[in-house]
Amino acid sequence: MTKKAENSNTPLQPSFDIAGVSSSNCDKGWHDGSCCCNCKNHYEDFYHCTTLPKPNDVEGCVCSTHKGWVCLISFEGEQPRAHSNWSEHGMCEMHERR
């Protein structure tokens, strides 16, 4: 589903803030357009050269190889918590729009 600009037949273009992560509405998350992909707690995860196992078919440095997604949240008075193996799209109770 592509949203249209009000009083226009031109589709809205998504805006991108960080590494291709959209700050616009998403039709793969919640009914109001909120989604992991536009949450400020959602970060792209990368391999590190010292971490094993390394991805298949990648030689040398793997630090720029996409590994998945991480949700980094903080509860009041606590250190942030990283939840790895998160999906690119979805929705949870900790969503905060970018």
PDB file of N, CA and C in Angstrom:
ATOM      1  N   MET A   1       0.846  -1.185   0.000  1.00  0.00           N
ATOM      2  CA  MET A   1       0.000   0.000   0.000  1.00  0.00           C
ATOM      3  C   MET A   1       0.886   1.242   0.000  1.00  0.00           C
ATOM      4  N   THR A   2       0.662   2.105  -0.985  1.00  0.00           N
ATOM      5  CA  THR A   2       1.393   3.356  -1.061  1.00  0.00           C
ATOM      6  C   THR A   2       0.460   4.489  -0.688  1.00  0.00           C
ATOM      7  N   LYS A   3       0.865   5.306   0.245  1.00  0.00           N
ATOM      8  CA  LYS A   3       0.046   6.440   0.646  1.00  0.00           C
ATOM      9  C   LYS A   3       0.243   7.573  -0.347  1.00  0.00           C
ATOM     10  N   LYS A   4      -0.812   8.350  -0.564  1.00  0.00           N
ATOM     11  CA  LYS A   4      -0.756   9.491  -1.462  1.00  0.00           C
ATOM     12  C   LYS A   4      -0.748  10.777  -0.646  1.00  0.00           C
ATOM     13  N   ALA A   5      -0.055  11.788  -1.182  1.00  0.00           N
ATOM     14  CA  ALA A   5      -0.059  13.090  -0.539  1.00  0.00           C
ATOM     15  C   ALA A   5      -1.487  13.637  -0.570  1.00  0.00           C
ATOM     16  N   GLU A   6      -1.879  14.374   0.449  1.00  0.00           N
ATOM     17  CA  GLU A   6      -3.229  14.920   0.514  1.00  0.00           C
ATOM     18  C   GLU A   6      -3.485  15.813  -0.691  1.00  0.00           C
ATOM     19  N   ASN A   7      -4.649  15.656  -1.325  1.00  0.00           N
ATOM     20  CA  ASN A   7      -5.043  16.426  -2.510  1.00  0.00           C
ATOM     21  C   ASN A   7      -4.068  16.244  -3.671  1.00  0.00           C
ATOM     22  N   SER A   8      -3.508  15.043  -3.814  1.00  0.00           N
ATOM     23  CA  SER A   8      -2.545  14.807  -4.878  1.00  0.00           C
ATOM     24  C   SER A   8      -2.595  13.347  -5.287  1.00  0.00           C
ATOM     25  N   ASN A   9      -2.213  13.076  -6.515  1.00  0.00           N
ATOM     26  CA  ASN A   9      -2.083  11.701  -6.982  1.00  0.00           C
ATOM     27  C   ASN A   9      -0.646  11.233  -6.900  1.00  0.00           C
ATOM     28  N   THR A  10       0.229  12.064  -6.357  1.00  0.00           N
ATOM     29  CA  THR A  10       1.640  11.720  -6.241  1.00  0.00           C
ATOM     30  C   THR A  10       1.883  10.955  -4.945  1.00  0.00           C
ATOM     31  N   PRO A  11       2.488   9.734  -5.026  1.00  0.00           N
ATOM     32  CA  PRO A  11       2.778   8.989  -3.790  1.00  0.00           C
ATOM     33  C   PRO A  11       3.795   9.730  -2.933  1.00  0.00           C
ATOM     34  N   LEU A  12       3.646   9.606  -1.615  1.00  0.00           N
ATOM     35  CA  LEU A  12       4.636  10.170  -0.701  1.00  0.00           C
ATOM     36  C   LEU A  12       5.934   9.392  -0.836  1.00  0.00           C
ATOM     37  N   GLN A  13       7.035  10.068  -0.822  1.00  0.00           N
ATOM     38  CA  GLN A  13       8.340   9.424  -0.874  1.00  0.00           C
ATOM     39  C   GLN A  13       8.837   9.229   0.547  1.00  0.00           C
ATOM     40  N   PRO A  14       9.372   8.035   0.863  1.00  0.00           N
ATOM     41  CA  PRO A  14       9.888   7.828   2.220  1.00  0.00           C
ATOM     42  C   PRO A  14      11.126   8.666   2.467  1.00  0.00           C
ATOM     43  N   SER A  15      11.332   9.052   3.716  1.00  0.00           N
ATOM     44  CA  SER A  15      12.557   9.742   4.083  1.00  0.00           C
ATOM     45  C   SER A  15      13.435   8.763   4.843  1.00  0.00           C
ATOM     46  N   PHE A  16      14.737   8.902   4.704  1.00  0.00           N
ATOM     47  CA  PHE A  16      15.664   7.982   5.340  1.00  0.00           C
ATOM     48  C   PHE A  16      16.614   8.752   6.223  1.00  0.00           C
ATOM     49  N   ASP A  17      16.722   8.307   7.492  1.00  0.00           N
ATOM     50  CA  ASP A  17      17.552   8.994   8.467  1.00  0.00           C
ATOM     51  C   ASP A  17      18.891   8.309   8.672  1.00  0.00           C
ATOM     52  N   ILE A  18      18.881   7.006   8.909  1.00  0.00           N
ATOM     53  CA  ILE A  18      20.084   6.272   9.283  1.00  0.00           C
ATOM     54  C   ILE A  18      20.174   5.013   8.449  1.00  0.00           C
ATOM     55  N   ALA A  19      21.243   4.838   7.728  1.00  0.00           N
ATOM     56  CA  ALA A  19      21.550   3.592   7.013  1.00  0.00           C
ATOM     57  C   ALA A  19      20.337   2.968   6.339  1.00  0.00           C
ATOM     58  N   GLY A  20      19.567   3.770   5.615  1.00  0.00           N
ATOM     59  CA  GLY A  20      18.433   3.231   4.887  1.00  0.00           C
ATOM     60  C   GLY A  20      17.227   2.904   5.735  1.00  0.00           C
ATOM     61  N   VAL A  21      17.200   3.329   6.992  1.00  0.00           N
ATOM     62  CA  VAL A  21      16.064   3.067   7.869  1.00  0.00           C
ATOM     63  C   VAL A  21      15.042   4.182   7.682  1.00  0.00           C
ATOM     64  N   SER A  22      13.836   3.804   7.355  1.00  0.00           N
ATOM     65  CA  SER A  22      12.804   4.773   7.020  1.00  0.00           C
ATOM     66  C   SER A  22      12.229   5.458   8.259  1.00  0.00           C
ATOM     67  N   SER A  23      11.958   6.756   8.141  1.00  0.00           N
ATOM     68  CA  SER A  23      11.275   7.478   9.210  1.00  0.00           C
ATOM     69  C   SER A  23       9.815   7.729   8.838  1.00  0.00           C
ATOM     70  N   SER A  24       9.401   7.255   7.649  1.00  0.00           N
ATOM     71  CA  SER A  24       8.021   7.441   7.228  1.00  0.00           C
ATOM     72  C   SER A  24       7.165   6.266   7.671  1.00  0.00           C
ATOM     73  N   ASN A  25       5.881   6.306   7.346  1.00  0.00           N
ATOM     74  CA  ASN A  25       4.978   5.224   7.709  1.00  0.00           C
ATOM     75  C   ASN A  25       5.351   3.938   6.982  1.00  0.00           C
ATOM     76  N   CYS A  26       5.037   2.812   7.595  1.00  0.00           N
ATOM     77  CA  CYS A  26       5.316   1.496   7.023  1.00  0.00           C
ATOM     78  C   CYS A  26       4.048   0.664   7.098  1.00  0.00           C
ATOM     79  N   ASP A  27       3.739  -0.064   6.039  1.00  0.00           N
ATOM     80  CA  ASP A  27       2.534  -0.889   6.041  1.00  0.00           C
ATOM     81  C   ASP A  27       2.803  -2.319   6.523  1.00  0.00           C
ATOM     82  N   LYS A  28       4.025  -2.577   7.040  1.00  0.00           N
ATOM     83  CA  LYS A  28       4.370  -3.909   7.516  1.00  0.00           C
ATOM     84  C   LYS A  28       4.353  -4.005   9.039  1.00  0.00           C
ATOM     85  N   GLY A  29       4.049  -2.912   9.705  1.00  0.00           N
ATOM     86  CA  GLY A  29       4.047  -2.896  11.168  1.00  0.00           C
ATOM     87  C   GLY A  29       2.649  -2.760  11.716  1.00  0.00           C
ATOM     88  N   TRP A  30       2.408  -1.707  12.478  1.00  0.00           N
ATOM     89  CA  TRP A  30       1.142  -1.453  13.139  1.00  0.00           C
ATOM     90  C   TRP A  30       0.218  -0.672  12.220  1.00  0.00           C
ATOM     91  N   HIS A  31      -1.062  -0.672  12.488  1.00  0.00           N
ATOM     92  CA  HIS A  31      -2.057  -0.044  11.607  1.00  0.00           C
ATOM     93  C   HIS A  31      -1.860   1.459  11.424  1.00  0.00           C
ATOM     94  N   ASP A  32      -1.160   2.137  12.335  1.00  0.00           N
ATOM     95  CA  ASP A  32      -0.960   3.585  12.198  1.00  0.00           C
ATOM     96  C   ASP A  32       0.337   3.935  11.469  1.00  0.00           C
ATOM     97  N   GLY A  33       1.016   2.946  10.905  1.00  0.00           N
ATOM     98  CA  GLY A  33       2.260   3.190  10.182  1.00  0.00           C
ATOM     99  C   GLY A  33       3.497   3.026  11.034  1.00  0.00           C
ATOM    100  N   SER A  34       3.324   2.788  12.339  1.00  0.00           N
ATOM    101  CA  SER A  34       4.466   2.563  13.218  1.00  0.00           C
ATOM    102  C   SER A  34       5.034   1.178  12.953  1.00  0.00           C
ATOM    103  N   CYS A  35       6.365   1.078  12.966  1.00  0.00           N
ATOM    104  CA  CYS A  35       7.029  -0.184  12.659  1.00  0.00           C
ATOM    105  C   CYS A  35       8.435  -0.132  13.243  1.00  0.00           C
ATOM    106  N   CYS A  36       9.040  -1.292  13.424  1.00  0.00           N
ATOM    107  CA  CYS A  36      10.437  -1.330  13.881  1.00  0.00           C
ATOM    108  C   CYS A  36      11.329  -0.476  12.982  1.00  0.00           C
ATOM    109  N   CYS A  37      11.051  -0.468  11.673  1.00  0.00           N
ATOM    110  CA  CYS A  37      11.918   0.250  10.735  1.00  0.00           C
ATOM    111  C   CYS A  37      11.869   1.767  10.917  1.00  0.00           C
ATOM    112  N   ASN A  38      10.897   2.300  11.664  1.00  0.00           N
ATOM    113  CA  ASN A  38      10.870   3.737  11.932  1.00  0.00           C
ATOM    114  C   ASN A  38      10.915   4.044  13.425  1.00  0.00           C
ATOM    115  N   CYS A  39      11.477   3.097  14.198  1.00  0.00           N
ATOM    116  CA  CYS A  39      11.620   3.259  15.643  1.00  0.00           C
ATOM    117  C   CYS A  39      13.036   3.708  15.984  1.00  0.00           C
ATOM    118  N   LYS A  40      13.155   4.631  16.925  1.00  0.00           N
ATOM    119  CA  LYS A  40      14.480   5.131  17.293  1.00  0.00           C
ATOM    120  C   LYS A  40      15.303   4.115  18.077  1.00  0.00           C
ATOM    121  N   ASN A  41      14.683   3.030  18.537  1.00  0.00           N
ATOM    122  CA  ASN A  41      15.394   1.994  19.279  1.00  0.00           C
ATOM    123  C   ASN A  41      15.925   0.870  18.390  1.00  0.00           C
ATOM    124  N   HIS A  42      15.667   0.928  17.102  1.00  0.00           N
ATOM    125  CA  HIS A  42      15.966  -0.135  16.142  1.00  0.00           C
ATOM    126  C   HIS A  42      17.245   0.202  15.379  1.00  0.00           C
ATOM    127  N   TYR A  43      18.239  -0.695  15.454  1.00  0.00           N
ATOM    128  CA  TYR A  43      19.541  -0.448  14.835  1.00  0.00           C
ATOM    129  C   TYR A  43      19.968  -1.622  13.973  1.00  0.00           C
ATOM    130  N   GLU A  44      20.664  -1.301  12.892  1.00  0.00           N
ATOM    131  CA  GLU A  44      21.231  -2.337  12.048  1.00  0.00           C
ATOM    132  C   GLU A  44      22.424  -2.960  12.764  1.00  0.00           C
ATOM    133  N   ASP A  45      22.557  -4.271  12.677  1.00  0.00           N
ATOM    134  CA  ASP A  45      23.615  -5.022  13.345  1.00  0.00           C
ATOM    135  C   ASP A  45      24.605  -5.520  12.291  1.00  0.00           C
ATOM    136  N   PHE A  46      25.902  -5.440  12.600  1.00  0.00           N
ATOM    137  CA  PHE A  46      26.947  -5.847  11.670  1.00  0.00           C
ATOM    138  C   PHE A  46      27.869  -6.864  12.321  1.00  0.00           C
ATOM    139  N   TYR A  47      28.477  -7.684  11.503  1.00  0.00           N
ATOM    140  CA  TYR A  47      29.515  -8.597  11.990  1.00  0.00           C
ATOM    141  C   TYR A  47      30.727  -7.779  12.410  1.00  0.00           C
ATOM    142  N   HIS A  48      31.578  -8.377  13.233  1.00  0.00           N
ATOM    143  CA  HIS A  48      32.850  -7.773  13.612  1.00  0.00           C
ATOM    144  C   HIS A  48      33.950  -8.757  13.268  1.00  0.00           C
ATOM    145  N   CYS A  49      35.099  -8.253  12.862  1.00  0.00           N
ATOM    146  CA  CYS A  49      36.196  -9.107  12.404  1.00  0.00           C
ATOM    147  C   CYS A  49      36.672 -10.108  13.449  1.00  0.00           C
ATOM    148  N   THR A  50      36.466  -9.815  14.724  1.00  0.00           N
ATOM    149  CA  THR A  50      36.944 -10.725  15.769  1.00  0.00           C
ATOM    150  C   THR A  50      35.888 -11.729  16.203  1.00  0.00           C
ATOM    151  N   THR A  51      34.676 -11.649  15.628  1.00  0.00           N
ATOM    152  CA  THR A  51      33.588 -12.518  16.016  1.00  0.00           C
ATOM    153  C   THR A  51      33.487 -13.708  15.071  1.00  0.00           C
ATOM    154  N   LEU A  52      33.311 -14.883  15.649  1.00  0.00           N
ATOM    155  CA  LEU A  52      33.138 -16.095  14.844  1.00  0.00           C
ATOM    156  C   LEU A  52      31.749 -16.666  15.124  1.00  0.00           C
ATOM    157  N   PRO A  53      31.101 -17.335  14.213  1.00  0.00           N
ATOM    158  CA  PRO A  53      31.581 -17.593  12.858  1.00  0.00           C
ATOM    159  C   PRO A  53      31.349 -16.390  11.958  1.00  0.00           C
ATOM    160  N   LYS A  54      32.205 -16.263  10.955  1.00  0.00           N
ATOM    161  CA  LYS A  54      32.042 -15.205   9.962  1.00  0.00           C
ATOM    162  C   LYS A  54      31.031 -15.669   8.918  1.00  0.00           C
ATOM    163  N   PRO A  55      30.407 -14.724   8.223  1.00  0.00           N
ATOM    164  CA  PRO A  55      29.427 -15.113   7.200  1.00  0.00           C
ATOM    165  C   PRO A  55      30.108 -15.833   6.039  1.00  0.00           C
ATOM    166  N   ASN A  56      29.367 -16.727   5.411  1.00  0.00           N
ATOM    167  CA  ASN A  56      29.879 -17.432   4.244  1.00  0.00           C
ATOM    168  C   ASN A  56      30.117 -16.462   3.098  1.00  0.00           C
ATOM    169  N   ASP A  57      31.051 -16.779   2.240  1.00  0.00           N
ATOM    170  CA  ASP A  57      31.339 -16.031   1.016  1.00  0.00           C
ATOM    171  C   ASP A  57      31.854 -14.620   1.248  1.00  0.00           C
ATOM    172  N   VAL A  58      32.349 -14.311   2.441  1.00  0.00           N
ATOM    173  CA  VAL A  58      32.941 -13.005   2.701  1.00  0.00           C
ATOM    174  C   VAL A  58      34.375 -13.231   3.152  1.00  0.00           C
ATOM    175  N   GLU A  59      35.292 -12.649   2.411  1.00  0.00           N
ATOM    176  CA  GLU A  59      36.704 -12.777   2.761  1.00  0.00           C
ATOM    177  C   GLU A  59      37.198 -11.461   3.343  1.00  0.00           C
ATOM    178  N   GLY A  60      38.142 -11.529   4.246  1.00  0.00           N
ATOM    179  CA  GLY A  60      38.710 -10.321   4.846  1.00  0.00           C
ATOM    180  C   GLY A  60      37.785  -9.720   5.886  1.00  0.00           C
ATOM    181  N   CYS A  61      37.809  -8.407   5.954  1.00  0.00           N
ATOM    182  CA  CYS A  61      37.026  -7.673   6.949  1.00  0.00           C
ATOM    183  C   CYS A  61      35.527  -7.842   6.706  1.00  0.00           C
ATOM    184  N   VAL A  62      34.802  -8.149   7.761  1.00  0.00           N
ATOM    185  CA  VAL A  62      33.350  -8.324   7.662  1.00  0.00           C
ATOM    186  C   VAL A  62      32.583  -7.217   8.392  1.00  0.00           C
ATOM    187  N   CYS A  63      33.284  -6.180   8.822  1.00  0.00           N
ATOM    188  CA  CYS A  63      32.667  -5.133   9.640  1.00  0.00           C
ATOM    189  C   CYS A  63      31.568  -4.355   8.929  1.00  0.00           C
ATOM    190  N   SER A  64      31.497  -4.415   7.618  1.00  0.00           N
ATOM    191  CA  SER A  64      30.426  -3.726   6.905  1.00  0.00           C
ATOM    192  C   SER A  64      29.365  -4.698   6.391  1.00  0.00           C
ATOM    193  N   THR A  65      29.420  -5.951   6.845  1.00  0.00           N
ATOM    194  CA  THR A  65      28.462  -6.970   6.416  1.00  0.00           C
ATOM    195  C   THR A  65      27.272  -6.996   7.374  1.00  0.00           C
ATOM    196  N   HIS A  66      26.089  -6.785   6.800  1.00  0.00           N
ATOM    197  CA  HIS A  66      24.849  -6.759   7.583  1.00  0.00           C
ATOM    198  C   HIS A  66      24.603  -8.120   8.229  1.00  0.00           C
ATOM    199  N   LYS A  67      24.300  -8.109   9.521  1.00  0.00           N
ATOM    200  CA  LYS A  67      24.059  -9.342  10.276  1.00  0.00           C
ATOM    201  C   LYS A  67      22.588  -9.491  10.652  1.00  0.00           C
ATOM    202  N   GLY A  68      21.920  -8.395  10.891  1.00  0.00           N
ATOM    203  CA  GLY A  68      20.523  -8.434  11.318  1.00  0.00           C
ATOM    204  C   GLY A  68      20.125  -7.114  11.937  1.00  0.00           C
ATOM    205  N   TRP A  69      19.243  -7.181  12.916  1.00  0.00           N
ATOM    206  CA  TRP A  69      18.718  -5.984  13.567  1.00  0.00           C
ATOM    207  C   TRP A  69      18.753  -6.147  15.080  1.00  0.00           C
ATOM    208  N   VAL A  70      18.933  -5.028  15.789  1.00  0.00           N
ATOM    209  CA  VAL A  70      18.990  -5.007  17.248  1.00  0.00           C
ATOM    210  C   VAL A  70      18.001  -3.959  17.748  1.00  0.00           C
ATOM    211  N   CYS A  71      17.311  -4.278  18.825  1.00  0.00           N
ATOM    212  CA  CYS A  71      16.458  -3.322  19.509  1.00  0.00           C
ATOM    213  C   CYS A  71      17.183  -2.931  20.790  1.00  0.00           C
ATOM    214  N   LEU A  72      17.515  -1.651  20.923  1.00  0.00           N
ATOM    215  CA  LEU A  72      18.268  -1.155  22.077  1.00  0.00           C
ATOM    216  C   LEU A  72      17.341  -0.258  22.895  1.00  0.00           C
ATOM    217  N   ILE A  73      16.899  -0.773  24.041  1.00  0.00           N
ATOM    218  CA  ILE A  73      15.940  -0.019  24.855  1.00  0.00           C
ATOM    219  C   ILE A  73      16.499   0.248  26.244  1.00  0.00           C
ATOM    220  N   SER A  74      15.982   1.291  26.867  1.00  0.00           N
ATOM    221  CA  SER A  74      16.377   1.646  28.232  1.00  0.00           C
ATOM    222  C   SER A  74      15.126   1.783  29.084  1.00  0.00           C
ATOM    223  N   PHE A  75      15.164   1.163  30.243  1.00  0.00           N
ATOM    224  CA  PHE A  75      14.116   1.379  31.228  1.00  0.00           C
ATOM    225  C   PHE A  75      14.639   2.411  32.208  1.00  0.00           C
ATOM    226  N   GLU A  76      13.777   3.229  32.749  1.00  0.00           N
ATOM    227  CA  GLU A  76      14.195   4.313  33.633  1.00  0.00           C
ATOM    228  C   GLU A  76      15.083   3.797  34.766  1.00  0.00           C
ATOM    229  N   GLY A  77      16.255   4.417  34.885  1.00  0.00           N
ATOM    230  CA  GLY A  77      17.177   4.069  35.944  1.00  0.00           C
ATOM    231  C   GLY A  77      18.034   2.841  35.681  1.00  0.00           C
ATOM    232  N   GLU A  78      17.915   2.243  34.506  1.00  0.00           N
ATOM    233  CA  GLU A  78      18.688   1.052  34.170  1.00  0.00           C
ATOM    234  C   GLU A  78      19.580   1.304  32.967  1.00  0.00           C
ATOM    235  N   GLN A  79      20.582   0.461  32.808  1.00  0.00           N
ATOM    236  CA  GLN A  79      21.439   0.497  31.631  1.00  0.00           C
ATOM    237  C   GLN A  79      20.634   0.031  30.417  1.00  0.00           C
ATOM    238  N   PRO A  80      20.975   0.529  29.203  1.00  0.00           N
ATOM    239  CA  PRO A  80      20.275   0.050  28.002  1.00  0.00           C
ATOM    240  C   PRO A  80      20.449  -1.458  27.828  1.00  0.00           C
ATOM    241  N   ARG A  81      19.461  -2.088  27.250  1.00  0.00           N
ATOM    242  CA  ARG A  81      19.489  -3.514  26.952  1.00  0.00           C
ATOM    243  C   ARG A  81      19.395  -3.699  25.446  1.00  0.00           C
ATOM    244  N   ALA A  82      20.246  -4.555  24.901  1.00  0.00           N
ATOM    245  CA  ALA A  82      20.226  -4.863  23.474  1.00  0.00           C
ATOM    246  C   ALA A  82      19.553  -6.210  23.262  1.00  0.00           C
ATOM    247  N   HIS A  83      18.550  -6.224  22.419  1.00  0.00           N
ATOM    248  CA  HIS A  83      17.849  -7.449  22.056  1.00  0.00           C
ATOM    249  C   HIS A  83      18.216  -7.760  20.609  1.00  0.00           C
ATOM    250  N   SER A  84      19.031  -8.801  20.417  1.00  0.00           N
ATOM    251  CA  SER A  84      19.514  -9.129  19.076  1.00  0.00           C
ATOM    252  C   SER A  84      18.550 -10.073  18.361  1.00  0.00           C
ATOM    253  N   ASN A  85      18.847 -10.309  17.084  1.00  0.00           N
ATOM    254  CA  ASN A  85      18.019 -11.155  16.214  1.00  0.00           C
ATOM    255  C   ASN A  85      16.598 -10.615  16.071  1.00  0.00           C
ATOM    256  N   TRP A  86      16.469  -9.306  16.077  1.00  0.00           N
ATOM    257  CA  TRP A  86      15.183  -8.652  15.910  1.00  0.00           C
ATOM    258  C   TRP A  86      14.844  -8.608  14.422  1.00  0.00           C
ATOM    259  N   SER A  87      13.586  -8.502  14.108  1.00  0.00           N
ATOM    260  CA  SER A  87      13.177  -8.421  12.702  1.00  0.00           C
ATOM    261  C   SER A  87      13.311  -6.991  12.185  1.00  0.00           C
ATOM    262  N   GLU A  88      13.354  -6.860  10.874  1.00  0.00           N
ATOM    263  CA  GLU A  88      13.428  -5.524  10.277  1.00  0.00           C
ATOM    264  C   GLU A  88      12.094  -4.800  10.438  1.00  0.00           C
ATOM    265  N   HIS A  89      11.004  -5.520  10.297  1.00  0.00           N
ATOM    266  CA  HIS A  89       9.664  -4.942  10.417  1.00  0.00           C
ATOM    267  C   HIS A  89       8.910  -5.660  11.529  1.00  0.00           C
ATOM    268  N   GLY A  90       8.045  -4.937  12.186  1.00  0.00           N
ATOM    269  CA  GLY A  90       7.247  -5.500  13.263  1.00  0.00           C
ATOM    270  C   GLY A  90       6.804  -4.379  14.187  1.00  0.00           C
ATOM    271  N   MET A  91       6.452  -4.743  15.394  1.00  0.00           N
ATOM    272  CA  MET A  91       5.971  -3.740  16.326  1.00  0.00           C
ATOM    273  C   MET A  91       6.042  -4.302  17.736  1.00  0.00           C
ATOM    274  N   CYS A  92       6.394  -3.456  18.713  1.00  0.00           N
ATOM    275  CA  CYS A  92       6.352  -3.860  20.113  1.00  0.00           C
ATOM    276  C   CYS A  92       5.941  -2.653  20.964  1.00  0.00           C
ATOM    277  N   GLU A  93       5.760  -2.905  22.246  1.00  0.00           N
ATOM    278  CA  GLU A  93       5.284  -1.858  23.166  1.00  0.00           C
ATOM    279  C   GLU A  93       6.326  -0.782  23.442  1.00  0.00           C
ATOM    280  N   MET A  94       7.572  -0.981  23.018  1.00  0.00           N
ATOM    281  CA  MET A  94       8.631   0.002  23.255  1.00  0.00           C
ATOM    282  C   MET A  94       8.842   0.952  22.081  1.00  0.00           C
ATOM    283  N   HIS A  95       7.967   0.905  21.079  1.00  0.00           N
ATOM    284  CA  HIS A  95       8.142   1.718  19.872  1.00  0.00           C
ATOM    285  C   HIS A  95       8.162   3.215  20.197  1.00  0.00           C
ATOM    286  N   GLU A  96       9.163   3.890  19.645  1.00  0.00           N
ATOM    287  CA  GLU A  96       9.258   5.360  19.707  1.00  0.00           C
ATOM    288  C   GLU A  96       9.628   5.835  18.321  1.00  0.00           C
ATOM    289  N   ARG A  97       8.765   6.611  17.715  1.00  0.00           N
ATOM    290  CA  ARG A  97       8.976   7.065  16.335  1.00  0.00           C
ATOM    291  C   ARG A  97      10.245   7.914  16.219  1.00  0.00           C
ATOM    292  N   ARG A  98      11.003   7.697  15.154  1.00  0.00           N
ATOM    293  CA  ARG A  98      12.197   8.519  14.855  1.00  0.00           C
ATOM    294  C   ARG A  98      11.794   9.937  14.605  1.00  0.00           C
TER     295      ARG A  98
END
